[in-house]
Amino acid sequence: MAVLAVPSSLSAGTIATFADPAPDGSMHLFEINLVTDIVSGGWPDSRTGLTLQVPWTGMNYTDAFFEMEDLEYTGGISGGISGAGTIQFLRDGDIPGTVDPLLQISFDSAQLTLQGLAGDNIYFFHADNNVVITVWETTGPVALTEEASFSFGFANQAPLPCGEGFTATASFDSSAIPEPASVAGLLAGTTVLGFSVRVRRG
């Protein structure tokens, strides 16, 4: 008999992450435009190289892509705040709007912050307030809200031709405290699968 124990107090863990898929700044993921006051971002399905790792489900998705609606931006080159938005991650070849995404993040606002490290300017686009991370499991969507956060770390910044803003490549990380019931369901499914495999081998 297998006994499944779920801790009553869980800590925030990584939900999904990816390393910077761009070989250089010519294939940027984000644009901060201070003329239009818009933050735009995404990695189209026509490109390759983005491997979305989802420790929450134990799955990795090669050549995944993501879309983000344009966000209103208030601030300057050294930092500011965006309006509300949604980011969706999909499988290679998926048609947005016709299938469930792998992961969806919704937020009321996100911050662009500049941190200096060893003389380098390092930008982060992140949010940790009123963030909802929804992961699609085999049984359907699971929304994670407790201590949910996400962050894009920018690299390869290049000034826009207008001189007011920049483009950047990016890596991504997200975390949340999973609901105990969701963890129990996920682990129970894994336990059943493992038992099934042992029976077949026996």
C-alpha atoms as a PDB file:
ATOM      1  CA  MET A   1       0.000   0.000   0.000  1.00  0.00           C
ATOM      2  CA  ALA A   2       1.339   3.419  -0.967  1.00  0.00           C
ATOM      3  CA  VAL A   3       0.734   6.303   1.412  1.00  0.00           C
ATOM      4  CA  LEU A   4       0.878   9.770  -0.097  1.00  0.00           C
ATOM      5  CA  ALA A   5       1.764  12.565   2.326  1.00  0.00           C
ATOM      6  CA  VAL A   6       1.305  16.198   1.315  1.00  0.00           C
ATOM      7  CA  PRO A   7       2.912  18.850   3.516  1.00  0.00           C
ATOM      8  CA  SER A   8       0.517  21.369   5.000  1.00  0.00           C
ATOM      9  CA  SER A   9       2.991  24.191   4.406  1.00  0.00           C
ATOM     10  CA  LEU A  10       4.526  24.375   0.951  1.00  0.00           C
ATOM     11  CA  SER A  11       7.210  26.716  -0.325  1.00  0.00           C
ATOM     12  CA  ALA A  12       7.234  28.449  -3.676  1.00  0.00           C
ATOM     13  CA  GLY A  13       8.904  26.441  -6.395  1.00  0.00           C
ATOM     14  CA  THR A  14       9.659  26.827 -10.079  1.00  0.00           C
ATOM     15  CA  ILE A  15       6.608  26.305 -12.256  1.00  0.00           C
ATOM     16  CA  ALA A  16       8.151  26.915 -15.678  1.00  0.00           C
ATOM     17  CA  THR A  17      11.392  28.306 -17.048  1.00  0.00           C
ATOM     18  CA  PHE A  18      13.439  28.683 -20.207  1.00  0.00           C
ATOM     19  CA  ALA A  19      16.966  29.753 -21.085  1.00  0.00           C
ATOM     20  CA  ASP A  20      17.504  32.583 -23.548  1.00  0.00           C
ATOM     21  CA  PRO A  21      16.766  31.016 -26.968  1.00  0.00           C
ATOM     22  CA  ALA A  22      18.250  33.832 -29.068  1.00  0.00           C
ATOM     23  CA  PRO A  23      21.742  33.385 -30.516  1.00  0.00           C
ATOM     24  CA  ASP A  24      22.294  37.152 -30.423  1.00  0.00           C
ATOM     25  CA  GLY A  25      20.494  40.482 -30.274  1.00  0.00           C
ATOM     26  CA  SER A  26      19.263  40.242 -33.865  1.00  0.00           C
ATOM     27  CA  MET A  27      16.475  37.902 -32.713  1.00  0.00           C
ATOM     28  CA  HIS A  28      15.051  39.831 -29.796  1.00  0.00           C
ATOM     29  CA  LEU A  29      12.188  38.736 -27.567  1.00  0.00           C
ATOM     30  CA  PHE A  30      11.203  42.141 -26.161  1.00  0.00           C
ATOM     31  CA  GLU A  31      10.996  45.758 -27.271  1.00  0.00           C
ATOM     32  CA  ILE A  32      10.642  48.719 -24.939  1.00  0.00           C
ATOM     33  CA  ASN A  33       9.510  51.672 -27.051  1.00  0.00           C
ATOM     34  CA  LEU A  34       9.528  55.020 -25.241  1.00  0.00           C
ATOM     35  CA  VAL A  35       8.020  56.857 -28.204  1.00  0.00           C
ATOM     36  CA  THR A  36       4.840  54.781 -28.311  1.00  0.00           C
ATOM     37  CA  ASP A  37       5.052  53.849 -24.595  1.00  0.00           C
ATOM     38  CA  ILE A  38       4.578  50.178 -25.479  1.00  0.00           C
ATOM     39  CA  VAL A  39       6.224  46.997 -24.248  1.00  0.00           C
ATOM     40  CA  SER A  40       5.946  44.206 -26.808  1.00  0.00           C
ATOM     41  CA  GLY A  41       7.222  40.681 -26.502  1.00  0.00           C
ATOM     42  CA  GLY A  42       7.102  37.173 -27.888  1.00  0.00           C
ATOM     43  CA  TRP A  43       8.948  34.359 -29.607  1.00  0.00           C
ATOM     44  CA  PRO A  44       7.097  33.268 -32.766  1.00  0.00           C
ATOM     45  CA  ASP A  45       6.424  29.671 -33.742  1.00  0.00           C
ATOM     46  CA  SER A  46       8.498  30.213 -36.882  1.00  0.00           C
ATOM     47  CA  ARG A  47      11.618  30.297 -34.704  1.00  0.00           C
ATOM     48  CA  THR A  48      13.283  27.393 -32.948  1.00  0.00           C
ATOM     49  CA  GLY A  49      15.449  27.064 -29.864  1.00  0.00           C
ATOM     50  CA  LEU A  50      13.061  27.786 -27.006  1.00  0.00           C
ATOM     51  CA  THR A  51      12.816  24.802 -24.680  1.00  0.00           C
ATOM     52  CA  LEU A  52      10.102  25.373 -22.102  1.00  0.00           C
ATOM     53  CA  GLN A  53      10.805  23.363 -18.954  1.00  0.00           C
ATOM     54  CA  VAL A  54       7.800  22.800 -16.688  1.00  0.00           C
ATOM     55  CA  PRO A  55       9.006  21.177 -13.440  1.00  0.00           C
ATOM     56  CA  TRP A  56       5.425  21.404 -12.163  1.00  0.00           C
ATOM     57  CA  THR A  57       4.407  18.640 -14.592  1.00  0.00           C
ATOM     58  CA  GLY A  58       7.857  17.187 -15.229  1.00  0.00           C
ATOM     59  CA  MET A  59       7.607  17.997 -18.935  1.00  0.00           C
ATOM     60  CA  ASN A  60       9.940  19.756 -21.389  1.00  0.00           C
ATOM     61  CA  TYR A  61       8.704  21.224 -24.675  1.00  0.00           C
ATOM     62  CA  THR A  62      11.215  21.723 -27.491  1.00  0.00           C
ATOM     63  CA  ASP A  63      10.735  24.647 -29.901  1.00  0.00           C
ATOM     64  CA  ALA A  64       7.863  26.065 -27.874  1.00  0.00           C
ATOM     65  CA  PHE A  65       6.779  29.655 -28.459  1.00  0.00           C
ATOM     66  CA  PHE A  66       5.014  32.408 -26.556  1.00  0.00           C
ATOM     67  CA  GLU A  67       2.812  35.390 -27.262  1.00  0.00           C
ATOM     68  CA  MET A  68       2.194  38.518 -25.218  1.00  0.00           C
ATOM     69  CA  GLU A  69      -0.259  41.275 -26.027  1.00  0.00           C
ATOM     70  CA  ASP A  70       1.272  44.752 -26.280  1.00  0.00           C
ATOM     71  CA  LEU A  71       1.388  46.486 -22.912  1.00  0.00           C
ATOM     72  CA  GLU A  72       1.049  50.154 -22.091  1.00  0.00           C
ATOM     73  CA  TYR A  73       4.199  51.417 -20.414  1.00  0.00           C
ATOM     74  CA  THR A  74       4.763  54.304 -18.028  1.00  0.00           C
ATOM     75  CA  GLY A  75       8.360  55.129 -17.211  1.00  0.00           C
ATOM     76  CA  GLY A  76      11.750  55.645 -18.772  1.00  0.00           C
ATOM     77  CA  ILE A  77      14.883  53.840 -19.858  1.00  0.00           C
ATOM     78  CA  SER A  78      15.892  53.065 -16.287  1.00  0.00           C
ATOM     79  CA  GLY A  79      12.570  51.535 -15.258  1.00  0.00           C
ATOM     80  CA  GLY A  80       8.820  51.813 -15.176  1.00  0.00           C
ATOM     81  CA  ILE A  81       5.563  49.915 -14.969  1.00  0.00           C
ATOM     82  CA  SER A  82       3.307  48.280 -17.527  1.00  0.00           C
ATOM     83  CA  GLY A  83      -0.420  47.783 -17.679  1.00  0.00           C
ATOM     84  CA  ALA A  84      -2.264  44.484 -17.326  1.00  0.00           C
ATOM     85  CA  GLY A  85      -1.465  41.656 -19.697  1.00  0.00           C
ATOM     86  CA  THR A  86      -1.485  37.978 -20.574  1.00  0.00           C
ATOM     87  CA  ILE A  87       1.338  35.711 -21.735  1.00  0.00           C
ATOM     88  CA  GLN A  88       0.644  32.344 -23.345  1.00  0.00           C
ATOM     89  CA  PHE A  89       3.114  29.531 -24.034  1.00  0.00           C
ATOM     90  CA  LEU A  90       2.260  26.966 -26.704  1.00  0.00           C
ATOM     91  CA  ARG A  91       3.678  23.823 -28.299  1.00  0.00           C
ATOM     92  CA  ASP A  92       5.554  23.884 -31.565  1.00  0.00           C
ATOM     93  CA  GLY A  93       2.976  23.987 -34.357  1.00  0.00           C
ATOM     94  CA  ASP A  94      -0.014  24.921 -32.169  1.00  0.00           C
ATOM     95  CA  ILE A  95      -2.470  27.463 -33.542  1.00  0.00           C
ATOM     96  CA  PRO A  96      -3.301  30.020 -30.834  1.00  0.00           C
ATOM     97  CA  GLY A  97      -6.968  30.127 -29.956  1.00  0.00           C
ATOM     98  CA  THR A  98      -7.667  26.604 -31.206  1.00  0.00           C
ATOM     99  CA  VAL A  99      -5.945  24.605 -28.453  1.00  0.00           C
ATOM    100  CA  ASP A 100      -5.229  24.977 -24.768  1.00  0.00           C
ATOM    101  CA  PRO A 101      -1.868  26.623 -24.082  1.00  0.00           C
ATOM    102  CA  LEU A 102       0.804  24.878 -22.074  1.00  0.00           C
ATOM    103  CA  LEU A 103       0.976  27.762 -19.657  1.00  0.00           C
ATOM    104  CA  GLN A 104      -0.743  31.110 -19.248  1.00  0.00           C
ATOM    105  CA  ILE A 105       0.261  34.016 -17.050  1.00  0.00           C
ATOM    106  CA  SER A 106      -2.046  36.926 -16.328  1.00  0.00           C
ATOM    107  CA  PHE A 107      -1.087  39.974 -14.305  1.00  0.00           C
ATOM    108  CA  ASP A 108      -2.387  43.419 -13.362  1.00  0.00           C
ATOM    109  CA  SER A 109       0.968  45.104 -13.958  1.00  0.00           C
ATOM    110  CA  ALA A 110       4.650  44.325 -14.391  1.00  0.00           C
ATOM    111  CA  GLN A 111       7.776  46.290 -13.602  1.00  0.00           C
ATOM    112  CA  LEU A 112      10.853  47.022 -15.652  1.00  0.00           C
ATOM    113  CA  THR A 113      13.795  47.457 -13.315  1.00  0.00           C
ATOM    114  CA  LEU A 114      17.451  48.193 -13.951  1.00  0.00           C
ATOM    115  CA  GLN A 115      20.139  46.728 -11.754  1.00  0.00           C
ATOM    116  CA  GLY A 116      23.820  47.506 -12.087  1.00  0.00           C
ATOM    117  CA  LEU A 117      26.234  44.641 -11.605  1.00  0.00           C
ATOM    118  CA  ALA A 118      29.977  44.962 -12.190  1.00  0.00           C
ATOM    119  CA  GLY A 119      29.400  47.934 -14.431  1.00  0.00           C
ATOM    120  CA  ASP A 120      26.775  46.167 -16.563  1.00  0.00           C
ATOM    121  CA  ASN A 121      23.170  47.247 -16.892  1.00  0.00           C
ATOM    122  CA  ILE A 122      20.885  44.273 -16.205  1.00  0.00           C
ATOM    123  CA  TYR A 123      17.160  44.671 -16.840  1.00  0.00           C
ATOM    124  CA  PHE A 124      14.357  42.552 -15.438  1.00  0.00           C
ATOM    125  CA  PHE A 125      10.707  42.566 -16.496  1.00  0.00           C
ATOM    126  CA  HIS A 126       8.812  40.993 -13.620  1.00  0.00           C
ATOM    127  CA  ALA A 127       5.669  40.851 -11.499  1.00  0.00           C
ATOM    128  CA  ASP A 128       4.841  39.348  -8.120  1.00  0.00           C
ATOM    129  CA  ASN A 129       1.483  40.921  -7.259  1.00  0.00           C
ATOM    130  CA  ASN A 130      -1.901  39.706  -8.544  1.00  0.00           C
ATOM    131  CA  VAL A 131      -0.237  37.161 -10.825  1.00  0.00           C
ATOM    132  CA  VAL A 132      -2.124  34.041 -11.906  1.00  0.00           C
ATOM    133  CA  ILE A 133      -0.158  31.161 -13.442  1.00  0.00           C
ATOM    134  CA  THR A 134      -2.369  28.588 -15.122  1.00  0.00           C
ATOM    135  CA  VAL A 135      -0.882  25.224 -16.076  1.00  0.00           C
ATOM    136  CA  TRP A 136      -2.762  22.767 -18.257  1.00  0.00           C
ATOM    137  CA  GLU A 137      -2.486  19.222 -16.960  1.00  0.00           C
ATOM    138  CA  THR A 138      -4.049  16.124 -18.501  1.00  0.00           C
ATOM    139  CA  THR A 139      -7.071  16.652 -16.257  1.00  0.00           C
ATOM    140  CA  GLY A 140      -7.474  20.320 -17.187  1.00  0.00           C
ATOM    141  CA  PRO A 141      -6.228  23.749 -16.111  1.00  0.00           C
ATOM    142  CA  VAL A 142      -4.807  24.411 -12.647  1.00  0.00           C
ATOM    143  CA  ALA A 143      -4.582  28.066 -11.566  1.00  0.00           C
ATOM    144  CA  LEU A 144      -1.783  28.951  -9.143  1.00  0.00           C
ATOM    145  CA  THR A 145      -2.066  32.260  -7.314  1.00  0.00           C
ATOM    146  CA  GLU A 146      -0.256  31.999  -3.965  1.00  0.00           C
ATOM    147  CA  GLU A 147       3.065  33.830  -4.198  1.00  0.00           C
ATOM    148  CA  ALA A 148       2.856  33.520  -7.983  1.00  0.00           C
ATOM    149  CA  SER A 149       5.500  35.518  -9.826  1.00  0.00           C
ATOM    150  CA  PHE A 150       7.393  35.648 -13.100  1.00  0.00           C
ATOM    151  CA  SER A 151      10.532  37.317 -14.363  1.00  0.00           C
ATOM    152  CA  PHE A 152      12.237  37.849 -17.705  1.00  0.00           C
ATOM    153  CA  GLY A 153      15.936  38.614 -17.449  1.00  0.00           C
ATOM    154  CA  PHE A 154      17.042  40.751 -20.392  1.00  0.00           C
ATOM    155  CA  ALA A 155      20.291  40.409 -22.319  1.00  0.00           C
ATOM    156  CA  ASN A 156      21.790  41.675 -25.590  1.00  0.00           C
ATOM    157  CA  GLN A 157      20.102  45.064 -25.306  1.00  0.00           C
ATOM    158  CA  ALA A 158      20.237  47.130 -28.494  1.00  0.00           C
ATOM    159  CA  PRO A 159      18.968  50.719 -28.895  1.00  0.00           C
ATOM    160  CA  LEU A 160      16.002  51.345 -31.160  1.00  0.00           C
ATOM    161  CA  PRO A 161      16.666  53.384 -34.319  1.00  0.00           C
ATOM    162  CA  CYS A 162      14.617  56.215 -32.836  1.00  0.00           C
ATOM    163  CA  GLY A 163      17.004  56.303 -29.871  1.00  0.00           C
ATOM    164  CA  GLU A 164      14.108  56.059 -27.414  1.00  0.00           C
ATOM    165  CA  GLY A 165      14.072  52.520 -26.069  1.00  0.00           C
ATOM    166  CA  PHE A 166      15.703  49.201 -26.776  1.00  0.00           C
ATOM    167  CA  THR A 167      15.241  45.577 -27.793  1.00  0.00           C
ATOM    168  CA  ALA A 168      16.481  42.616 -25.782  1.00  0.00           C
ATOM    169  CA  THR A 169      16.703  38.855 -25.702  1.00  0.00           C
ATOM    170  CA  ALA A 170      15.499  37.181 -22.514  1.00  0.00           C
ATOM    171  CA  SER A 171      15.439  34.170 -20.234  1.00  0.00           C
ATOM    172  CA  PHE A 172      12.335  33.337 -18.200  1.00  0.00           C
ATOM    173  CA  ASP A 173      11.418  31.996 -14.788  1.00  0.00           C
ATOM    174  CA  SER A 174       8.161  31.639 -12.865  1.00  0.00           C
ATOM    175  CA  SER A 175       7.230  30.319  -9.456  1.00  0.00           C
ATOM    176  CA  ALA A 176       4.275  29.817  -7.134  1.00  0.00           C
ATOM    177  CA  ILE A 177       3.174  27.846  -4.092  1.00  0.00           C
ATOM    178  CA  PRO A 178       1.177  24.897  -5.441  1.00  0.00           C
ATOM    179  CA  GLU A 179      -2.157  24.081  -3.839  1.00  0.00           C
ATOM    180  CA  PRO A 180      -1.865  20.948  -1.645  1.00  0.00           C
ATOM    181  CA  ALA A 181      -4.829  19.350  -3.427  1.00  0.00           C
ATOM    182  CA  SER A 182      -3.176  19.902  -6.814  1.00  0.00           C
ATOM    183  CA  VAL A 183       0.080  18.399  -5.570  1.00  0.00           C
ATOM    184  CA  ALA A 184      -1.806  15.410  -4.198  1.00  0.00           C
ATOM    185  CA  GLY A 185      -3.549  14.866  -7.512  1.00  0.00           C
ATOM    186  CA  LEU A 186      -0.344  15.189  -9.492  1.00  0.00           C
ATOM    187  CA  LEU A 187       1.607  12.829  -7.223  1.00  0.00           C
ATOM    188  CA  ALA A 188      -1.283  10.367  -7.073  1.00  0.00           C
ATOM    189  CA  GLY A 189      -1.332  10.251 -10.861  1.00  0.00           C
ATOM    190  CA  THR A 190       2.402   9.624 -10.873  1.00  0.00           C
ATOM    191  CA  THR A 191       1.993   6.873  -8.285  1.00  0.00           C
ATOM    192  CA  VAL A 192      -0.706   5.156 -10.321  1.00  0.00           C
ATOM    193  CA  LEU A 193       1.414   5.405 -13.457  1.00  0.00           C
ATOM    194  CA  GLY A 194       4.409   3.907 -11.663  1.00  0.00           C
ATOM    195  CA  PHE A 195       2.273   1.047 -10.326  1.00  0.00           C
ATOM    196  CA  SER A 196       0.907   0.413 -13.813  1.00  0.00           C
ATOM    197  CA  VAL A 197       4.417   0.205 -15.242  1.00  0.00           C
ATOM    198  CA  ARG A 198       5.507  -2.272 -12.573  1.00  0.00           C
ATOM    199  CA  VAL A 199       2.512  -4.503 -13.280  1.00  0.00           C
ATOM    200  CA  ARG A 200       3.309  -4.599 -17.000  1.00  0.00           C
ATOM    201  CA  ARG A 201       6.945  -5.481 -16.335  1.00  0.00           C
ATOM    202  CA  GLY A 202       6.015  -8.149 -13.829  1.00  0.00           C
END
